[in-house]
Amino acid sequence: MEPMDAWETHENAWRPASRLASPGWDPVDAVEIARLRARGLEGAEVLVCHLYWTEFAPGDVQAARDALKHHREQESASTAS
Protein backbone atom coordinates (compact mmCIF):
# COMPACT_ATOMS: atom_id res chain seq x y z
CA MET A 1 0.00 0.00 0.00
CA GLU A 2 2.73 2.45 1.00
CA PRO A 3 5.75 3.16 -1.23
CA MET A 4 8.69 0.96 -0.29
CA ASP A 5 12.37 1.03 -1.14
CA ALA A 6 14.01 -1.85 -2.96
CA TRP A 7 15.87 -4.36 -0.80
CA GLU A 8 18.12 -7.37 -1.11
CA THR A 9 19.31 -9.95 1.42
CA HIS A 10 22.98 -9.91 2.43
CA GLU A 11 25.45 -12.15 0.63
CA ASN A 12 25.51 -14.82 3.39
CA ALA A 13 21.75 -15.18 3.61
CA TRP A 14 20.34 -18.69 3.81
CA ARG A 15 18.08 -17.96 0.85
CA PRO A 16 18.82 -14.89 -1.23
CA ALA A 17 15.81 -12.70 -1.90
CA SER A 18 15.14 -9.23 -3.23
CA ARG A 19 12.29 -6.86 -4.05
CA LEU A 20 12.10 -4.02 -6.49
CA ALA A 21 11.05 -0.62 -5.24
CA SER A 22 7.29 -0.19 -5.05
CA PRO A 23 5.57 3.10 -5.83
CA GLY A 24 2.65 2.17 -3.58
CA TRP A 25 -1.00 2.01 -4.51
CA ASP A 26 -2.70 4.49 -6.74
CA PRO A 27 -5.28 6.49 -4.70
CA VAL A 28 -8.11 5.14 -6.86
CA ASP A 29 -6.95 1.57 -6.24
CA ALA A 30 -6.63 2.21 -2.50
CA VAL A 31 -10.23 3.44 -2.33
CA GLU A 32 -11.51 0.43 -4.30
CA ILE A 33 -9.57 -2.06 -2.18
CA ALA A 34 -10.88 -0.44 1.01
CA ARG A 35 -14.43 -0.68 -0.36
CA LEU A 36 -14.00 -4.36 -1.25
CA ARG A 37 -12.48 -5.19 2.15
CA ALA A 38 -15.39 -3.49 3.91
CA ARG A 39 -17.85 -5.42 1.74
CA GLY A 40 -16.09 -8.69 2.59
CA LEU A 41 -16.26 -7.91 6.31
CA GLU A 42 -19.96 -7.10 6.06
CA GLY A 43 -20.58 -10.42 4.29
CA ALA A 44 -18.63 -12.33 6.93
CA GLU A 45 -20.61 -10.62 9.69
CA VAL A 46 -23.92 -11.52 8.05
CA LEU A 47 -22.84 -15.14 7.68
CA VAL A 48 -21.37 -15.62 11.15
CA CYS A 49 -24.15 -13.79 13.01
CA HIS A 50 -27.08 -15.26 11.06
CA LEU A 51 -29.93 -16.58 13.20
CA TYR A 52 -29.54 -19.99 11.51
CA TRP A 53 -26.63 -20.76 13.83
CA THR A 54 -28.80 -20.34 16.94
CA GLU A 55 -30.55 -23.59 16.00
CA PHE A 56 -27.45 -25.51 17.08
CA ALA A 57 -26.04 -26.15 20.53
CA PRO A 58 -22.87 -24.08 21.04
CA GLY A 59 -20.70 -27.20 20.84
CA ASP A 60 -22.26 -28.24 17.53
CA VAL A 61 -21.89 -24.97 15.59
CA GLN A 62 -18.40 -25.75 14.26
CA ALA A 63 -19.45 -29.17 12.98
CA ALA A 64 -22.51 -27.61 11.31
CA ARG A 65 -20.35 -24.95 9.63
CA ASP A 66 -17.93 -27.61 8.40
CA ALA A 67 -20.82 -29.69 7.02
CA LEU A 68 -22.18 -26.63 5.21
CA LYS A 69 -18.74 -25.82 3.82
CA HIS A 70 -18.41 -29.33 2.35
CA HIS A 71 -22.07 -29.73 1.30
CA ARG A 72 -21.38 -29.50 -2.44
CA GLU A 73 -18.59 -32.07 -2.23
CA GLN A 74 -20.85 -34.49 -0.38
CA GLU A 75 -23.70 -33.79 -2.80
CA SER A 76 -21.58 -34.49 -5.89
CA ALA A 77 -20.15 -37.66 -4.30
CA SER A 78 -23.63 -39.01 -3.62
CA THR A 79 -24.87 -38.29 -7.17
CA ALA A 80 -21.77 -39.92 -8.69
CA SER A 81 -22.54 -43.21 -6.91
C-alpha atoms as a PDB file:
ATOM      1  CA  MET A   1       0.000   0.000   0.000  1.00  0.00           C
ATOM      2  CA  GLU A   2       2.727   2.452   0.999  1.00  0.00           C
ATOM      3  CA  PRO A   3       5.746   3.156  -1.231  1.00  0.00           C
ATOM      4  CA  MET A   4       8.695   0.957  -0.294  1.00  0.00           C
ATOM      5  CA  ASP A   5      12.370   1.032  -1.144  1.00  0.00           C
ATOM      6  CA  ALA A   6      14.006  -1.847  -2.956  1.00  0.00           C
ATOM      7  CA  TRP A   7      15.874  -4.364  -0.801  1.00  0.00           C
ATOM      8  CA  GLU A   8      18.115  -7.372  -1.113  1.00  0.00           C
ATOM      9  CA  THR A   9      19.313  -9.947   1.425  1.00  0.00           C
ATOM     10  CA  HIS A  10      22.981  -9.912   2.428  1.00  0.00           C
ATOM     11  CA  GLU A  11      25.446 -12.146   0.631  1.00  0.00           C
ATOM     12  CA  ASN A  12      25.507 -14.825   3.395  1.00  0.00           C
ATOM     13  CA  ALA A  13      21.749 -15.181   3.606  1.00  0.00           C
ATOM     14  CA  TRP A  14      20.338 -18.694   3.814  1.00  0.00           C
ATOM     15  CA  ARG A  15      18.081 -17.963   0.849  1.00  0.00           C
ATOM     16  CA  PRO A  16      18.821 -14.892  -1.226  1.00  0.00           C
ATOM     17  CA  ALA A  17      15.806 -12.696  -1.898  1.00  0.00           C
ATOM     18  CA  SER A  18      15.139  -9.231  -3.228  1.00  0.00           C
ATOM     19  CA  ARG A  19      12.293  -6.863  -4.046  1.00  0.00           C
ATOM     20  CA  LEU A  20      12.099  -4.024  -6.495  1.00  0.00           C
ATOM     21  CA  ALA A  21      11.050  -0.616  -5.243  1.00  0.00           C
ATOM     22  CA  SER A  22       7.289  -0.192  -5.050  1.00  0.00           C
ATOM     23  CA  PRO A  23       5.573   3.104  -5.828  1.00  0.00           C
ATOM     24  CA  GLY A  24       2.647   2.172  -3.576  1.00  0.00           C
ATOM     25  CA  TRP A  25      -0.999   2.011  -4.506  1.00  0.00           C
ATOM     26  CA  ASP A  26      -2.700   4.486  -6.745  1.00  0.00           C
ATOM     27  CA  PRO A  27      -5.275   6.485  -4.701  1.00  0.00           C
ATOM     28  CA  VAL A  28      -8.112   5.144  -6.860  1.00  0.00           C
ATOM     29  CA  ASP A  29      -6.954   1.570  -6.244  1.00  0.00           C
ATOM     30  CA  ALA A  30      -6.630   2.208  -2.503  1.00  0.00           C
ATOM     31  CA  VAL A  31     -10.232   3.435  -2.333  1.00  0.00           C
ATOM     32  CA  GLU A  32     -11.508   0.430  -4.299  1.00  0.00           C
ATOM     33  CA  ILE A  33      -9.571  -2.058  -2.178  1.00  0.00           C
ATOM     34  CA  ALA A  34     -10.882  -0.435   1.015  1.00  0.00           C
ATOM     35  CA  ARG A  35     -14.429  -0.683  -0.361  1.00  0.00           C
ATOM     36  CA  LEU A  36     -14.002  -4.358  -1.255  1.00  0.00           C
ATOM     37  CA  ARG A  37     -12.481  -5.192   2.146  1.00  0.00           C
ATOM     38  CA  ALA A  38     -15.389  -3.485   3.908  1.00  0.00           C
ATOM     39  CA  ARG A  39     -17.850  -5.419   1.740  1.00  0.00           C
ATOM     40  CA  GLY A  40     -16.095  -8.689   2.593  1.00  0.00           C
ATOM     41  CA  LEU A  41     -16.256  -7.914   6.309  1.00  0.00           C
ATOM     42  CA  GLU A  42     -19.961  -7.105   6.057  1.00  0.00           C
ATOM     43  CA  GLY A  43     -20.575 -10.420   4.289  1.00  0.00           C
ATOM     44  CA  ALA A  44     -18.628 -12.332   6.928  1.00  0.00           C
ATOM     45  CA  GLU A  45     -20.606 -10.624   9.689  1.00  0.00           C
ATOM     46  CA  VAL A  46     -23.922 -11.519   8.054  1.00  0.00           C
ATOM     47  CA  LEU A  47     -22.836 -15.138   7.677  1.00  0.00           C
ATOM     48  CA  VAL A  48     -21.369 -15.625  11.152  1.00  0.00           C
ATOM     49  CA  CYS A  49     -24.149 -13.789  13.012  1.00  0.00           C
ATOM     50  CA  HIS A  50     -27.078 -15.257  11.062  1.00  0.00           C
ATOM     51  CA  LEU A  51     -29.931 -16.584  13.200  1.00  0.00           C
ATOM     52  CA  TYR A  52     -29.545 -19.988  11.509  1.00  0.00           C
ATOM     53  CA  TRP A  53     -26.633 -20.761  13.833  1.00  0.00           C
ATOM     54  CA  THR A  54     -28.804 -20.337  16.943  1.00  0.00           C
ATOM     55  CA  GLU A  55     -30.555 -23.588  16.004  1.00  0.00           C
ATOM     56  CA  PHE A  56     -27.446 -25.511  17.082  1.00  0.00           C
ATOM     57  CA  ALA A  57     -26.036 -26.155  20.529  1.00  0.00           C
ATOM     58  CA  PRO A  58     -22.875 -24.082  21.035  1.00  0.00           C
ATOM     59  CA  GLY A  59     -20.703 -27.196  20.842  1.00  0.00           C
ATOM     60  CA  ASP A  60     -22.259 -28.243  17.527  1.00  0.00           C
ATOM     61  CA  VAL A  61     -21.890 -24.974  15.591  1.00  0.00           C
ATOM     62  CA  GLN A  62     -18.405 -25.747  14.258  1.00  0.00           C
ATOM     63  CA  ALA A  63     -19.452 -29.172  12.977  1.00  0.00           C
ATOM     64  CA  ALA A  64     -22.509 -27.614  11.309  1.00  0.00           C
ATOM     65  CA  ARG A  65     -20.350 -24.955   9.633  1.00  0.00           C
ATOM     66  CA  ASP A  66     -17.933 -27.612   8.400  1.00  0.00           C
ATOM     67  CA  ALA A  67     -20.819 -29.685   7.023  1.00  0.00           C
ATOM     68  CA  LEU A  68     -22.178 -26.634   5.210  1.00  0.00           C
ATOM     69  CA  LYS A  69     -18.744 -25.821   3.821  1.00  0.00           C
ATOM     70  CA  HIS A  70     -18.410 -29.331   2.351  1.00  0.00           C
ATOM     71  CA  HIS A  71     -22.065 -29.726   1.304  1.00  0.00           C
ATOM     72  CA  ARG A  72     -21.378 -29.502  -2.439  1.00  0.00           C
ATOM     73  CA  GLU A  73     -18.590 -32.069  -2.232  1.00  0.00           C
ATOM     74  CA  GLN A  74     -20.854 -34.494  -0.382  1.00  0.00           C
ATOM     75  CA  GLU A  75     -23.704 -33.791  -2.803  1.00  0.00           C
ATOM     76  CA  SER A  76     -21.576 -34.492  -5.893  1.00  0.00           C
ATOM     77  CA  ALA A  77     -20.150 -37.658  -4.304  1.00  0.00           C
ATOM     78  CA  SER A  78     -23.635 -39.006  -3.621  1.00  0.00           C
ATOM     79  CA  THR A  79     -24.873 -38.288  -7.174  1.00  0.00           C
ATOM     80  CA  ALA A  80     -21.770 -39.920  -8.689  1.00  0.00           C
ATOM     81  CA  SER A  81     -22.537 -43.205  -6.911  1.00  0.00           C
END
